[in-house]
C-alpha atoms as a PDB file:
ATOM      1  CA  MET A   1      82.979  63.579 107.498  1.00  0.00           C
ATOM      2  CA  SER A   2      83.032  65.392 104.437  1.00  0.00           C
ATOM      3  CA  THR A   3      82.910  69.396 103.995  1.00  0.00           C
ATOM      4  CA  TYR A   4      82.117  71.077 100.878  1.00  0.00           C
ATOM      5  CA  ILE A   5      83.760  74.649 101.425  1.00  0.00           C
ATOM      6  CA  GLY A   6      82.239  76.283  98.627  1.00  0.00           C
ATOM      7  CA  ASN A   7      83.417  77.658  94.875  1.00  0.00           C
ATOM      8  CA  GLY A   8      84.316  74.065  94.049  1.00  0.00           C
ATOM      9  CA  VAL A   9      86.276  73.167  96.978  1.00  0.00           C
ATOM     10  CA  ALA A  10      85.904  70.486  99.476  1.00  0.00           C
ATOM     11  CA  ILE A  11      87.821  69.083 102.241  1.00  0.00           C
ATOM     12  CA  PRO A  12      87.042  65.659 103.247  1.00  0.00           C
ATOM     13  CA  HIS A  13      87.647  65.660 107.614  1.00  0.00           C
ATOM     14  CA  GLY A  14      89.039  62.996 109.618  1.00  0.00           C
ATOM     15  CA  GLN A  15      87.828  62.624 113.141  1.00  0.00           C
ATOM     16  CA  PHE A  16      89.762  63.901 116.250  1.00  0.00           C
ATOM     17  CA  ASP A  17      90.040  60.486 117.838  1.00  0.00           C
ATOM     18  CA  ASP A  18      91.912  59.189 114.378  1.00  0.00           C
ATOM     19  CA  ARG A  19      94.875  61.631 114.820  1.00  0.00           C
ATOM     20  CA  ALA A  20      96.887  59.096 116.649  1.00  0.00           C
ATOM     21  CA  ASN A  21      96.867  57.535 113.286  1.00  0.00           C
ATOM     22  CA  ILE A  22      98.480  60.308 111.478  1.00  0.00           C
ATOM     23  CA  TYR A  23     102.555  59.966 111.632  1.00  0.00           C
ATOM     24  CA  HIS A  24     103.409  62.831 109.895  1.00  0.00           C
ATOM     25  CA  THR A  25     101.513  66.069 108.670  1.00  0.00           C
ATOM     26  CA  GLY A  26     100.621  65.767 104.792  1.00  0.00           C
ATOM     27  CA  ILE A  27      98.231  67.365 101.870  1.00  0.00           C
ATOM     28  CA  SER A  28      96.829  65.553  99.336  1.00  0.00           C
ATOM     29  CA  VAL A  29      95.025  67.669  96.381  1.00  0.00           C
ATOM     30  CA  VAL A  30      92.831  66.323  93.659  1.00  0.00           C
ATOM     31  CA  GLN A  31      91.692  67.792  90.989  1.00  0.00           C
ATOM     32  CA  VAL A  32      88.627  66.818  89.031  1.00  0.00           C
ATOM     33  CA  PRO A  33      88.287  68.682  85.802  1.00  0.00           C
ATOM     34  CA  GLN A  34      84.703  67.575  85.275  1.00  0.00           C
ATOM     35  CA  GLY A  35      83.778  67.857  89.048  1.00  0.00           C
ATOM     36  CA  ILE A  36      82.146  65.409  91.342  1.00  0.00           C
ATOM     37  CA  ALA A  37      79.089  65.782  93.266  1.00  0.00           C
ATOM     38  CA  TRP A  38      79.495  66.397  96.773  1.00  0.00           C
ATOM     39  CA  ASN A  39      76.292  67.135  98.192  1.00  0.00           C
ATOM     40  CA  PRO A  40      72.818  68.189  96.704  1.00  0.00           C
ATOM     41  CA  ASP A  41      73.660  70.860  94.459  1.00  0.00           C
ATOM     42  CA  GLU A  42      77.256  71.118  95.072  1.00  0.00           C
ATOM     43  CA  THR A  43      80.204  70.150  92.947  1.00  0.00           C
ATOM     44  CA  ALA A  44      83.946  69.687  93.841  1.00  0.00           C
ATOM     45  CA  TYR A  45      86.311  70.342  91.426  1.00  0.00           C
ATOM     46  CA  LEU A  46      89.023  70.322  93.804  1.00  0.00           C
ATOM     47  CA  VAL A  47      89.545  67.986  96.747  1.00  0.00           C
ATOM     48  CA  LEU A  48      92.158  68.562  99.768  1.00  0.00           C
ATOM     49  CA  GLY A  49      93.176  65.779 102.035  1.00  0.00           C
ATOM     50  CA  ILE A  50      94.809  67.592 104.977  1.00  0.00           C
ATOM     51  CA  ALA A  51      96.284  65.189 107.591  1.00  0.00           C
ATOM     52  CA  ALA A  52      98.138  66.996 110.766  1.00  0.00           C
ATOM     53  CA  THR A  53      99.633  66.127 113.841  1.00  0.00           C
ATOM     54  CA  ALA A  54      99.512  69.664 115.165  1.00  0.00           C
ATOM     55  CA  ASN A  55      98.635  72.882 113.726  1.00  0.00           C
ATOM     56  CA  GLU A  56     101.018  72.990 110.933  1.00  0.00           C
ATOM     57  CA  HIS A  57      97.864  72.993 108.446  1.00  0.00           C
ATOM     58  CA  VAL A  58      96.480  76.440 109.620  1.00  0.00           C
ATOM     59  CA  GLY A  59      98.408  78.305 106.978  1.00  0.00           C
ATOM     60  CA  VAL A  60      97.470  76.376 104.034  1.00  0.00           C
ATOM     61  CA  LEU A  61      94.018  76.931 105.286  1.00  0.00           C
ATOM     62  CA  ALA A  62      94.626  80.742 105.937  1.00  0.00           C
ATOM     63  CA  ASN A  63      95.796  80.618 102.242  1.00  0.00           C
ATOM     64  CA  LEU A  64      92.645  78.548 100.677  1.00  0.00           C
ATOM     65  CA  ALA A  65      90.669  80.869 102.697  1.00  0.00           C
ATOM     66  CA  GLU A  66      92.122  83.927 100.777  1.00  0.00           C
ATOM     67  CA  ILE A  67      91.521  82.186  97.520  1.00  0.00           C
ATOM     68  CA  LEU A  68      88.040  81.109  98.025  1.00  0.00           C
ATOM     69  CA  GLU A  69      86.956  84.957  98.698  1.00  0.00           C
ATOM     70  CA  ASP A  70      87.466  85.308  94.834  1.00  0.00           C
ATOM     71  CA  PRO A  71      85.424  82.675  92.469  1.00  0.00           C
ATOM     72  CA  GLU A  72      87.884  83.271  89.373  1.00  0.00           C
ATOM     73  CA  GLU A  73      90.984  82.467  91.257  1.00  0.00           C
ATOM     74  CA  SER A  74      89.018  79.317  92.906  1.00  0.00           C
ATOM     75  CA  ALA A  75      88.596  78.438  89.500  1.00  0.00           C
ATOM     76  CA  ARG A  76      92.044  78.606  88.674  1.00  0.00           C
ATOM     77  CA  LEU A  77      93.256  76.743  91.722  1.00  0.00           C
ATOM     78  CA  ALA A  78      90.762  73.828  90.480  1.00  0.00           C
ATOM     79  CA  ARG A  79      92.365  73.957  86.943  1.00  0.00           C
ATOM     80  CA  ILE A  80      96.049  74.623  87.471  1.00  0.00           C
ATOM     81  CA  THR A  81      97.762  71.642  85.973  1.00  0.00           C
ATOM     82  CA  ASP A  82     101.561  72.438  87.573  1.00  0.00           C
ATOM     83  CA  PRO A  83     101.543  70.609  91.022  1.00  0.00           C
ATOM     84  CA  GLY A  84     104.351  73.063  91.883  1.00  0.00           C
ATOM     85  CA  GLU A  85     101.950  75.902  91.478  1.00  0.00           C
ATOM     86  CA  ILE A  86      99.130  74.501  93.503  1.00  0.00           C
ATOM     87  CA  ILE A  87     101.966  73.894  96.539  1.00  0.00           C
ATOM     88  CA  GLU A  88     103.265  77.651  95.832  1.00  0.00           C
ATOM     89  CA  LEU A  89      99.853  79.102  96.371  1.00  0.00           C
ATOM     90  CA  LEU A  90      98.661  76.911  99.366  1.00  0.00           C
ATOM     91  CA  SER A  91     101.783  77.335 101.121  1.00  0.00           C
ATOM     92  CA  ARG A  92     102.541  81.003 100.789  1.00  0.00           C
ATOM     93  CA  PRO A  93     104.142  82.262 104.163  1.00  0.00           C
ATOM     94  CA  GLN A  94     101.486  84.368 106.275  1.00  0.00           C
ATOM     95  CA  PRO A  95     101.885  87.719 107.166  1.00  0.00           C
ATOM     96  CA  GLN A  96     102.806  87.787 110.970  1.00  0.00           C
ATOM     97  CA  PRO A  97     101.259  90.368 113.076  1.00  0.00           C
ATOM     98  CA  GLU A  98     103.434  93.538 114.237  1.00  0.00           C
ATOM     99  CA  GLU A  99     104.626  93.470 117.593  1.00  0.00           C
ATOM    100  CA  VAL A 100     103.252  96.049 119.554  1.00  0.00           C
ATOM    101  CA  GLU A 101     105.472  97.953 121.745  1.00  0.00           C
ATOM    102  CA  THR A 102     105.110  98.719 125.288  1.00  0.00           C
ATOM    103  CA  ALA A 103     106.221 101.234 127.307  1.00  0.00           C
END
């Protein structure tokens, strides 16, 4: 199942029943500098493949959502040439909710 999520980014989705075929969590990133028609009137410049055995990928999706809120950051992510920088942006630690003190 393919999903275009906006600002030039697409994340193809597998089916839940296929999760048993995933041996370990991983992410693949494909950049298409000239763009690729994804759906009518949508062009993807960055395609992320995510395979997860549990919920380890949630932080990556949170970072991606934050980047996608800014069209300039989305365009920059789609054109970064240093794989390490892409990894850094997508794997930033997420802030933890503050603990609430109970009396």
